[in-house]
Amino acid sequence: MGDTVRESSAGQVSVDPAAGRLSADDPVVEAVLTASRALVAVAARSIAAAGGDVTLPQFRALVLIAARGPQRLATLAEALRVNQSTASRMCDRLVAKRLVRRSRSASDRRTVRIALTQEGRALVDGVTRHRRGDLARILAQLTQEQRDAMVAALNTFSLAADEQPIAEGEFLEEL
Protein backbone atom coordinates (compact mmCIF):
# COMPACT_ATOMS: atom_id res chain seq x y z
CA MET A 1 0.00 0.00 0.00
CA GLY A 2 2.91 2.37 -0.63
CA ASP A 3 1.03 3.69 -3.64
CA THR A 4 0.46 7.42 -3.97
CA VAL A 5 -2.91 8.70 -5.07
CA ARG A 6 -2.79 11.66 -7.43
CA GLU A 7 -5.54 13.88 -8.83
CA SER A 8 -5.07 15.32 -12.32
CA SER A 9 -6.07 18.84 -13.32
CA ALA A 10 -9.15 17.23 -14.94
CA GLY A 11 -10.17 15.84 -11.54
CA GLN A 12 -9.31 12.22 -12.34
CA VAL A 13 -7.65 10.28 -9.55
CA SER A 14 -4.94 7.69 -10.14
CA VAL A 15 -2.63 5.62 -7.97
CA ASP A 16 1.15 5.84 -8.44
CA PRO A 17 2.58 2.45 -7.39
CA ALA A 18 6.16 3.73 -7.74
CA ALA A 19 5.82 6.06 -4.74
CA GLY A 20 7.85 5.48 -1.58
CA ARG A 21 6.51 3.98 1.62
CA LEU A 22 5.82 5.93 4.80
CA SER A 23 7.18 4.96 8.18
CA ALA A 24 4.70 4.01 10.89
CA ASP A 25 5.59 7.14 12.87
CA ASP A 26 5.21 9.58 9.95
CA PRO A 27 3.13 12.64 10.96
CA VAL A 28 0.43 11.83 8.37
CA VAL A 29 0.10 8.30 9.80
CA GLU A 30 -0.23 9.77 13.30
CA ALA A 31 -2.84 12.30 12.15
CA VAL A 32 -4.93 9.64 10.41
CA LEU A 33 -4.60 7.32 13.43
CA THR A 34 -5.89 10.06 15.71
CA ALA A 35 -8.74 10.86 13.33
CA SER A 36 -9.58 7.16 13.04
CA ARG A 37 -10.01 6.93 16.82
CA ALA A 38 -12.49 9.80 16.65
CA LEU A 39 -14.31 8.14 13.75
CA VAL A 40 -14.50 4.80 15.57
CA ALA A 41 -16.07 6.61 18.52
CA VAL A 42 -18.61 8.22 16.16
CA ALA A 43 -19.31 4.80 14.63
CA ALA A 44 -19.82 3.14 18.00
CA ARG A 45 -22.15 5.92 19.17
CA SER A 46 -24.18 5.73 15.95
CA ILE A 47 -24.65 1.97 16.22
CA ALA A 48 -25.76 2.30 19.84
CA ALA A 49 -28.08 5.23 19.04
CA ALA A 50 -29.71 3.33 16.17
CA GLY A 51 -30.43 0.42 18.50
CA GLY A 52 -28.14 -1.89 16.59
CA ASP A 53 -27.22 -5.02 18.49
CA VAL A 54 -24.14 -5.58 16.32
CA THR A 55 -20.40 -5.26 16.76
CA LEU A 56 -18.31 -2.88 14.67
CA PRO A 57 -16.93 -5.79 12.56
CA GLN A 58 -20.49 -7.07 11.98
CA PHE A 59 -21.60 -3.59 10.97
CA ARG A 60 -18.64 -3.35 8.60
CA ALA A 61 -19.88 -6.55 6.92
CA LEU A 62 -23.38 -5.08 6.61
CA VAL A 63 -21.98 -1.92 5.02
CA LEU A 64 -19.92 -3.92 2.53
CA ILE A 65 -22.98 -5.95 1.54
CA ALA A 66 -25.04 -2.76 1.25
CA ALA A 67 -22.38 -1.07 -0.89
CA ARG A 68 -21.48 -4.02 -3.10
CA GLY A 69 -24.76 -5.89 -3.19
CA PRO A 70 -25.44 -9.58 -2.66
CA GLN A 71 -22.22 -11.52 -2.91
CA ARG A 72 -20.56 -14.84 -2.37
CA LEU A 73 -19.46 -15.56 1.19
CA ALA A 74 -15.89 -15.99 -0.10
CA THR A 75 -16.03 -12.51 -1.66
CA LEU A 76 -17.24 -10.99 1.61
CA ALA A 77 -14.48 -12.76 3.56
CA GLU A 78 -11.91 -11.39 1.13
CA ALA A 79 -13.31 -7.84 1.41
CA LEU A 80 -13.24 -8.10 5.21
CA ARG A 81 -9.73 -9.61 5.04
CA VAL A 82 -10.72 -12.54 7.23
CA ASN A 83 -10.81 -16.30 6.75
CA GLN A 84 -13.95 -17.67 5.14
CA SER A 85 -14.77 -19.56 8.35
CA THR A 86 -14.65 -16.29 10.31
CA ALA A 87 -16.95 -14.61 7.79
CA SER A 88 -19.27 -17.62 7.94
CA ARG A 89 -19.56 -17.43 11.75
CA MET A 90 -20.17 -13.67 11.51
CA CYS A 91 -22.91 -14.28 8.94
CA ASP A 92 -24.43 -16.97 11.19
CA ARG A 93 -24.87 -14.28 13.85
CA LEU A 94 -26.23 -11.76 11.35
CA VAL A 95 -28.69 -14.35 9.97
CA ALA A 96 -29.86 -15.07 13.54
CA LYS A 97 -30.46 -11.33 13.97
CA ARG A 98 -32.37 -11.29 10.65
CA LEU A 99 -30.00 -8.72 9.16
CA VAL A 100 -28.73 -10.88 6.28
CA ARG A 101 -29.96 -13.93 4.44
CA ARG A 102 -28.04 -16.77 2.90
CA SER A 103 -28.97 -18.49 -0.30
CA ARG A 104 -27.41 -21.19 -2.40
CA SER A 105 -26.96 -20.95 -6.14
CA ALA A 106 -29.34 -23.17 -8.08
CA SER A 107 -26.56 -24.00 -10.54
CA ASP A 108 -23.85 -24.65 -7.91
CA ARG A 109 -25.15 -25.64 -4.48
CA ARG A 110 -21.66 -25.09 -3.00
CA THR A 111 -21.90 -21.36 -3.69
CA VAL A 112 -23.38 -19.40 -0.78
CA ARG A 113 -24.53 -15.85 -1.40
CA ILE A 114 -25.13 -13.27 1.31
CA ALA A 115 -27.67 -10.43 0.95
CA LEU A 116 -29.11 -7.80 3.26
CA THR A 117 -32.63 -8.23 4.52
CA GLN A 118 -34.97 -5.26 4.83
CA GLU A 119 -34.07 -5.19 8.55
CA GLY A 120 -30.37 -5.12 7.70
CA ARG A 121 -30.90 -2.30 5.24
CA ALA A 122 -32.93 -0.38 7.84
CA LEU A 123 -30.12 -0.78 10.38
CA VAL A 124 -27.47 0.44 7.93
CA ASP A 125 -29.67 3.42 7.03
CA GLY A 126 -30.44 4.23 10.68
CA VAL A 127 -26.81 4.06 11.76
CA THR A 128 -25.84 6.16 8.74
CA ARG A 129 -28.42 8.83 9.66
CA HIS A 130 -27.10 9.00 13.24
CA ARG A 131 -23.51 9.05 12.02
CA ARG A 132 -24.25 11.84 9.52
CA GLY A 133 -25.80 13.96 12.28
CA ASP A 134 -22.87 13.40 14.63
CA LEU A 135 -20.36 14.18 11.89
CA ALA A 136 -22.28 17.31 10.84
CA ARG A 137 -22.08 18.62 14.41
CA ILE A 138 -18.33 17.98 14.53
CA LEU A 139 -17.60 19.36 11.06
CA ALA A 140 -19.66 22.51 11.66
CA GLN A 141 -16.75 23.64 13.85
CA LEU A 142 -14.48 23.90 10.76
CA THR A 143 -14.29 26.74 8.28
CA GLN A 144 -15.57 26.18 4.74
CA GLU A 145 -11.99 26.19 3.48
CA GLN A 146 -11.05 23.48 6.00
CA ARG A 147 -14.09 21.42 5.01
CA ASP A 148 -13.24 21.71 1.30
CA ALA A 149 -9.67 20.55 1.97
CA MET A 150 -11.01 17.69 4.07
CA VAL A 151 -13.37 16.56 1.28
CA ALA A 152 -10.49 16.37 -1.19
CA ALA A 153 -8.17 14.58 1.24
CA LEU A 154 -10.76 12.08 2.45
CA ASN A 155 -11.99 11.24 -1.06
CA THR A 156 -8.40 10.52 -2.04
CA PHE A 157 -7.87 8.47 1.13
CA SER A 158 -11.05 6.47 0.49
CA LEU A 159 -9.94 5.68 -3.03
CA ALA A 160 -6.53 4.53 -1.80
CA ALA A 161 -8.28 2.33 0.80
CA ASP A 162 -10.56 0.85 -1.90
CA GLU A 163 -13.65 2.00 -0.02
CA GLN A 164 -16.88 2.05 -2.01
CA PRO A 165 -19.46 4.79 -1.45
CA ILE A 166 -22.93 3.72 -0.34
CA ALA A 167 -26.03 5.74 -1.10
CA GLU A 168 -28.43 5.97 1.83
CA GLY A 169 -31.69 4.22 1.07
CA GLU A 170 -30.23 2.25 -1.81
CA PHE A 171 -31.18 -1.40 -1.52
CA LEU A 172 -29.44 -3.73 -3.90
CA GLU A 173 -31.62 -6.74 -4.62
CA GLU A 174 -30.11 -10.17 -5.06
CA LEU A 175 -29.10 -10.74 -8.66
C-alpha atoms as a PDB file:
ATOM      1  CA  MET A   1       0.000   0.000   0.000  1.00  0.00           C
ATOM      2  CA  GLY A   2       2.912   2.371  -0.630  1.00  0.00           C
ATOM      3  CA  ASP A   3       1.034   3.691  -3.641  1.00  0.00           C
ATOM      4  CA  THR A   4       0.461   7.416  -3.971  1.00  0.00           C
ATOM      5  CA  VAL A   5      -2.912   8.699  -5.069  1.00  0.00           C
ATOM      6  CA  ARG A   6      -2.792  11.664  -7.425  1.00  0.00           C
ATOM      7  CA  GLU A   7      -5.536  13.876  -8.833  1.00  0.00           C
ATOM      8  CA  SER A   8      -5.071  15.320 -12.322  1.00  0.00           C
ATOM      9  CA  SER A   9      -6.065  18.838 -13.317  1.00  0.00           C
ATOM     10  CA  ALA A  10      -9.152  17.234 -14.935  1.00  0.00           C
ATOM     11  CA  GLY A  11     -10.166  15.842 -11.540  1.00  0.00           C
ATOM     12  CA  GLN A  12      -9.310  12.225 -12.344  1.00  0.00           C
ATOM     13  CA  VAL A  13      -7.652  10.278  -9.549  1.00  0.00           C
ATOM     14  CA  SER A  14      -4.939   7.691 -10.141  1.00  0.00           C
ATOM     15  CA  VAL A  15      -2.632   5.624  -7.968  1.00  0.00           C
ATOM     16  CA  ASP A  16       1.146   5.836  -8.435  1.00  0.00           C
ATOM     17  CA  PRO A  17       2.577   2.445  -7.393  1.00  0.00           C
ATOM     18  CA  ALA A  18       6.162   3.726  -7.735  1.00  0.00           C
ATOM     19  CA  ALA A  19       5.816   6.062  -4.738  1.00  0.00           C
ATOM     20  CA  GLY A  20       7.854   5.479  -1.583  1.00  0.00           C
ATOM     21  CA  ARG A  21       6.506   3.981   1.621  1.00  0.00           C
ATOM     22  CA  LEU A  22       5.821   5.925   4.802  1.00  0.00           C
ATOM     23  CA  SER A  23       7.180   4.962   8.182  1.00  0.00           C
ATOM     24  CA  ALA A  24       4.699   4.008  10.895  1.00  0.00           C
ATOM     25  CA  ASP A  25       5.591   7.142  12.868  1.00  0.00           C
ATOM     26  CA  ASP A  26       5.212   9.577   9.950  1.00  0.00           C
ATOM     27  CA  PRO A  27       3.129  12.638  10.955  1.00  0.00           C
ATOM     28  CA  VAL A  28       0.434  11.833   8.370  1.00  0.00           C
ATOM     29  CA  VAL A  29       0.099   8.305   9.797  1.00  0.00           C
ATOM     30  CA  GLU A  30      -0.232   9.769  13.304  1.00  0.00           C
ATOM     31  CA  ALA A  31      -2.838  12.303  12.146  1.00  0.00           C
ATOM     32  CA  VAL A  32      -4.931   9.639  10.408  1.00  0.00           C
ATOM     33  CA  LEU A  33      -4.598   7.319  13.426  1.00  0.00           C
ATOM     34  CA  THR A  34      -5.890  10.063  15.714  1.00  0.00           C
ATOM     35  CA  ALA A  35      -8.743  10.860  13.329  1.00  0.00           C
ATOM     36  CA  SER A  36      -9.579   7.160  13.041  1.00  0.00           C
ATOM     37  CA  ARG A  37     -10.014   6.929  16.821  1.00  0.00           C
ATOM     38  CA  ALA A  38     -12.490   9.797  16.651  1.00  0.00           C
ATOM     39  CA  LEU A  39     -14.310   8.138  13.754  1.00  0.00           C
ATOM     40  CA  VAL A  40     -14.498   4.798  15.566  1.00  0.00           C
ATOM     41  CA  ALA A  41     -16.068   6.606  18.516  1.00  0.00           C
ATOM     42  CA  VAL A  42     -18.611   8.221  16.164  1.00  0.00           C
ATOM     43  CA  ALA A  43     -19.313   4.800  14.629  1.00  0.00           C
ATOM     44  CA  ALA A  44     -19.817   3.145  18.004  1.00  0.00           C
ATOM     45  CA  ARG A  45     -22.150   5.920  19.166  1.00  0.00           C
ATOM     46  CA  SER A  46     -24.176   5.732  15.952  1.00  0.00           C
ATOM     47  CA  ILE A  47     -24.647   1.969  16.221  1.00  0.00           C
ATOM     48  CA  ALA A  48     -25.762   2.297  19.838  1.00  0.00           C
ATOM     49  CA  ALA A  49     -28.081   5.231  19.036  1.00  0.00           C
ATOM     50  CA  ALA A  50     -29.714   3.330  16.173  1.00  0.00           C
ATOM     51  CA  GLY A  51     -30.429   0.418  18.498  1.00  0.00           C
ATOM     52  CA  GLY A  52     -28.136  -1.892  16.594  1.00  0.00           C
ATOM     53  CA  ASP A  53     -27.221  -5.017  18.486  1.00  0.00           C
ATOM     54  CA  VAL A  54     -24.144  -5.582  16.316  1.00  0.00           C
ATOM     55  CA  THR A  55     -20.401  -5.258  16.757  1.00  0.00           C
ATOM     56  CA  LEU A  56     -18.309  -2.876  14.670  1.00  0.00           C
ATOM     57  CA  PRO A  57     -16.934  -5.787  12.561  1.00  0.00           C
ATOM     58  CA  GLN A  58     -20.488  -7.070  11.976  1.00  0.00           C
ATOM     59  CA  PHE A  59     -21.599  -3.592  10.975  1.00  0.00           C
ATOM     60  CA  ARG A  60     -18.641  -3.351   8.596  1.00  0.00           C
ATOM     61  CA  ALA A  61     -19.876  -6.554   6.922  1.00  0.00           C
ATOM     62  CA  LEU A  62     -23.379  -5.081   6.608  1.00  0.00           C
ATOM     63  CA  VAL A  63     -21.976  -1.923   5.020  1.00  0.00           C
ATOM     64  CA  LEU A  64     -19.923  -3.925   2.528  1.00  0.00           C
ATOM     65  CA  ILE A  65     -22.982  -5.950   1.543  1.00  0.00           C
ATOM     66  CA  ALA A  66     -25.036  -2.759   1.255  1.00  0.00           C
ATOM     67  CA  ALA A  67     -22.380  -1.071  -0.894  1.00  0.00           C
ATOM     68  CA  ARG A  68     -21.480  -4.022  -3.104  1.00  0.00           C
ATOM     69  CA  GLY A  69     -24.765  -5.890  -3.185  1.00  0.00           C
ATOM     70  CA  PRO A  70     -25.441  -9.577  -2.663  1.00  0.00           C
ATOM     71  CA  GLN A  71     -22.218 -11.524  -2.914  1.00  0.00           C
ATOM     72  CA  ARG A  72     -20.561 -14.844  -2.369  1.00  0.00           C
ATOM     73  CA  LEU A  73     -19.455 -15.558   1.188  1.00  0.00           C
ATOM     74  CA  ALA A  74     -15.894 -15.988  -0.096  1.00  0.00           C
ATOM     75  CA  THR A  75     -16.025 -12.510  -1.665  1.00  0.00           C
ATOM     76  CA  LEU A  76     -17.244 -10.992   1.606  1.00  0.00           C
ATOM     77  CA  ALA A  77     -14.480 -12.758   3.559  1.00  0.00           C
ATOM     78  CA  GLU A  78     -11.905 -11.385   1.132  1.00  0.00           C
ATOM     79  CA  ALA A  79     -13.313  -7.844   1.409  1.00  0.00           C
ATOM     80  CA  LEU A  80     -13.242  -8.101   5.215  1.00  0.00           C
ATOM     81  CA  ARG A  81      -9.735  -9.606   5.043  1.00  0.00           C
ATOM     82  CA  VAL A  82     -10.721 -12.544   7.232  1.00  0.00           C
ATOM     83  CA  ASN A  83     -10.813 -16.300   6.748  1.00  0.00           C
ATOM     84  CA  GLN A  84     -13.951 -17.668   5.139  1.00  0.00           C
ATOM     85  CA  SER A  85     -14.767 -19.565   8.349  1.00  0.00           C
ATOM     86  CA  THR A  86     -14.646 -16.289  10.315  1.00  0.00           C
ATOM     87  CA  ALA A  87     -16.951 -14.608   7.789  1.00  0.00           C
ATOM     88  CA  SER A  88     -19.270 -17.618   7.939  1.00  0.00           C
ATOM     89  CA  ARG A  89     -19.562 -17.426  11.746  1.00  0.00           C
ATOM     90  CA  MET A  90     -20.168 -13.674  11.510  1.00  0.00           C
ATOM     91  CA  CYS A  91     -22.907 -14.280   8.944  1.00  0.00           C
ATOM     92  CA  ASP A  92     -24.431 -16.974  11.195  1.00  0.00           C
ATOM     93  CA  ARG A  93     -24.867 -14.284  13.849  1.00  0.00           C
ATOM     94  CA  LEU A  94     -26.228 -11.761  11.347  1.00  0.00           C
ATOM     95  CA  VAL A  95     -28.687 -14.346   9.974  1.00  0.00           C
ATOM     96  CA  ALA A  96     -29.855 -15.074  13.542  1.00  0.00           C
ATOM     97  CA  LYS A  97     -30.460 -11.326  13.970  1.00  0.00           C
ATOM     98  CA  ARG A  98     -32.371 -11.290  10.648  1.00  0.00           C
ATOM     99  CA  LEU A  99     -30.002  -8.720   9.160  1.00  0.00           C
ATOM    100  CA  VAL A 100     -28.734 -10.876   6.283  1.00  0.00           C
ATOM    101  CA  ARG A 101     -29.963 -13.933   4.441  1.00  0.00           C
ATOM    102  CA  ARG A 102     -28.043 -16.772   2.904  1.00  0.00           C
ATOM    103  CA  SER A 103     -28.970 -18.489  -0.303  1.00  0.00           C
ATOM    104  CA  ARG A 104     -27.407 -21.194  -2.405  1.00  0.00           C
ATOM    105  CA  SER A 105     -26.962 -20.946  -6.140  1.00  0.00           C
ATOM    106  CA  ALA A 106     -29.342 -23.174  -8.081  1.00  0.00           C
ATOM    107  CA  SER A 107     -26.555 -24.003 -10.537  1.00  0.00           C
ATOM    108  CA  ASP A 108     -23.850 -24.655  -7.913  1.00  0.00           C
ATOM    109  CA  ARG A 109     -25.146 -25.641  -4.475  1.00  0.00           C
ATOM    110  CA  ARG A 110     -21.656 -25.092  -3.005  1.00  0.00           C
ATOM    111  CA  THR A 111     -21.895 -21.360  -3.690  1.00  0.00           C
ATOM    112  CA  VAL A 112     -23.376 -19.402  -0.778  1.00  0.00           C
ATOM    113  CA  ARG A 113     -24.527 -15.848  -1.395  1.00  0.00           C
ATOM    114  CA  ILE A 114     -25.132 -13.268   1.310  1.00  0.00           C
ATOM    115  CA  ALA A 115     -27.666 -10.432   0.949  1.00  0.00           C
ATOM    116  CA  LEU A 116     -29.109  -7.800   3.264  1.00  0.00           C
ATOM    117  CA  THR A 117     -32.635  -8.232   4.520  1.00  0.00           C
ATOM    118  CA  GLN A 118     -34.968  -5.258   4.831  1.00  0.00           C
ATOM    119  CA  GLU A 119     -34.073  -5.195   8.554  1.00  0.00           C
ATOM    120  CA  GLY A 120     -30.369  -5.121   7.698  1.00  0.00           C
ATOM    121  CA  ARG A 121     -30.903  -2.299   5.236  1.00  0.00           C
ATOM    122  CA  ALA A 122     -32.925  -0.376   7.836  1.00  0.00           C
ATOM    123  CA  LEU A 123     -30.123  -0.784  10.379  1.00  0.00           C
ATOM    124  CA  VAL A 124     -27.467   0.444   7.927  1.00  0.00           C
ATOM    125  CA  ASP A 125     -29.674   3.422   7.031  1.00  0.00           C
ATOM    126  CA  GLY A 126     -30.444   4.233  10.683  1.00  0.00           C
ATOM    127  CA  VAL A 127     -26.812   4.064  11.756  1.00  0.00           C
ATOM    128  CA  THR A 128     -25.836   6.157   8.736  1.00  0.00           C
ATOM    129  CA  ARG A 129     -28.421   8.829   9.656  1.00  0.00           C
ATOM    130  CA  HIS A 130     -27.101   9.001  13.237  1.00  0.00           C
ATOM    131  CA  ARG A 131     -23.508   9.054  12.021  1.00  0.00           C
ATOM    132  CA  ARG A 132     -24.248  11.840   9.523  1.00  0.00           C
ATOM    133  CA  GLY A 133     -25.800  13.956  12.277  1.00  0.00           C
ATOM    134  CA  ASP A 134     -22.871  13.405  14.629  1.00  0.00           C
ATOM    135  CA  LEU A 135     -20.356  14.183  11.895  1.00  0.00           C
ATOM    136  CA  ALA A 136     -22.283  17.310  10.843  1.00  0.00           C
ATOM    137  CA  ARG A 137     -22.084  18.620  14.415  1.00  0.00           C
ATOM    138  CA  ILE A 138     -18.328  17.976  14.534  1.00  0.00           C
ATOM    139  CA  LEU A 139     -17.598  19.364  11.062  1.00  0.00           C
ATOM    140  CA  ALA A 140     -19.656  22.511  11.665  1.00  0.00           C
ATOM    141  CA  GLN A 141     -16.746  23.643  13.847  1.00  0.00           C
ATOM    142  CA  LEU A 142     -14.483  23.899  10.757  1.00  0.00           C
ATOM    143  CA  THR A 143     -14.291  26.743   8.284  1.00  0.00           C
ATOM    144  CA  GLN A 144     -15.572  26.184   4.738  1.00  0.00           C
ATOM    145  CA  GLU A 145     -11.988  26.185   3.482  1.00  0.00           C
ATOM    146  CA  GLN A 146     -11.050  23.481   5.999  1.00  0.00           C
ATOM    147  CA  ARG A 147     -14.091  21.421   5.010  1.00  0.00           C
ATOM    148  CA  ASP A 148     -13.237  21.713   1.299  1.00  0.00           C
ATOM    149  CA  ALA A 149      -9.670  20.555   1.967  1.00  0.00           C
ATOM    150  CA  MET A 150     -11.009  17.689   4.068  1.00  0.00           C
ATOM    151  CA  VAL A 151     -13.365  16.557   1.281  1.00  0.00           C
ATOM    152  CA  ALA A 152     -10.489  16.370  -1.191  1.00  0.00           C
ATOM    153  CA  ALA A 153      -8.172  14.582   1.241  1.00  0.00           C
ATOM    154  CA  LEU A 154     -10.763  12.077   2.453  1.00  0.00           C
ATOM    155  CA  ASN A 155     -11.990  11.242  -1.057  1.00  0.00           C
ATOM    156  CA  THR A 156      -8.398  10.521  -2.039  1.00  0.00           C
ATOM    157  CA  PHE A 157      -7.868   8.465   1.133  1.00  0.00           C
ATOM    158  CA  SER A 158     -11.053   6.473   0.488  1.00  0.00           C
ATOM    159  CA  LEU A 159      -9.937   5.678  -3.030  1.00  0.00           C
ATOM    160  CA  ALA A 160      -6.529   4.531  -1.797  1.00  0.00           C
ATOM    161  CA  ALA A 161      -8.276   2.326   0.804  1.00  0.00           C
ATOM    162  CA  ASP A 162     -10.557   0.848  -1.902  1.00  0.00           C
ATOM    163  CA  GLU A 163     -13.651   1.997  -0.020  1.00  0.00           C
ATOM    164  CA  GLN A 164     -16.878   2.048  -2.009  1.00  0.00           C
ATOM    165  CA  PRO A 165     -19.462   4.792  -1.450  1.00  0.00           C
ATOM    166  CA  ILE A 166     -22.929   3.723  -0.340  1.00  0.00           C
ATOM    167  CA  ALA A 167     -26.030   5.744  -1.098  1.00  0.00           C
ATOM    168  CA  GLU A 168     -28.434   5.974   1.835  1.00  0.00           C
ATOM    169  CA  GLY A 169     -31.695   4.224   1.074  1.00  0.00           C
ATOM    170  CA  GLU A 170     -30.229   2.253  -1.813  1.00  0.00           C
ATOM    171  CA  PHE A 171     -31.175  -1.403  -1.521  1.00  0.00           C
ATOM    172  CA  LEU A 172     -29.438  -3.729  -3.898  1.00  0.00           C
ATOM    173  CA  GLU A 173     -31.615  -6.735  -4.618  1.00  0.00           C
ATOM    174  CA  GLU A 174     -30.110 -10.167  -5.059  1.00  0.00           C
ATOM    175  CA  LEU A 175     -29.101 -10.743  -8.663  1.00  0.00           C
END
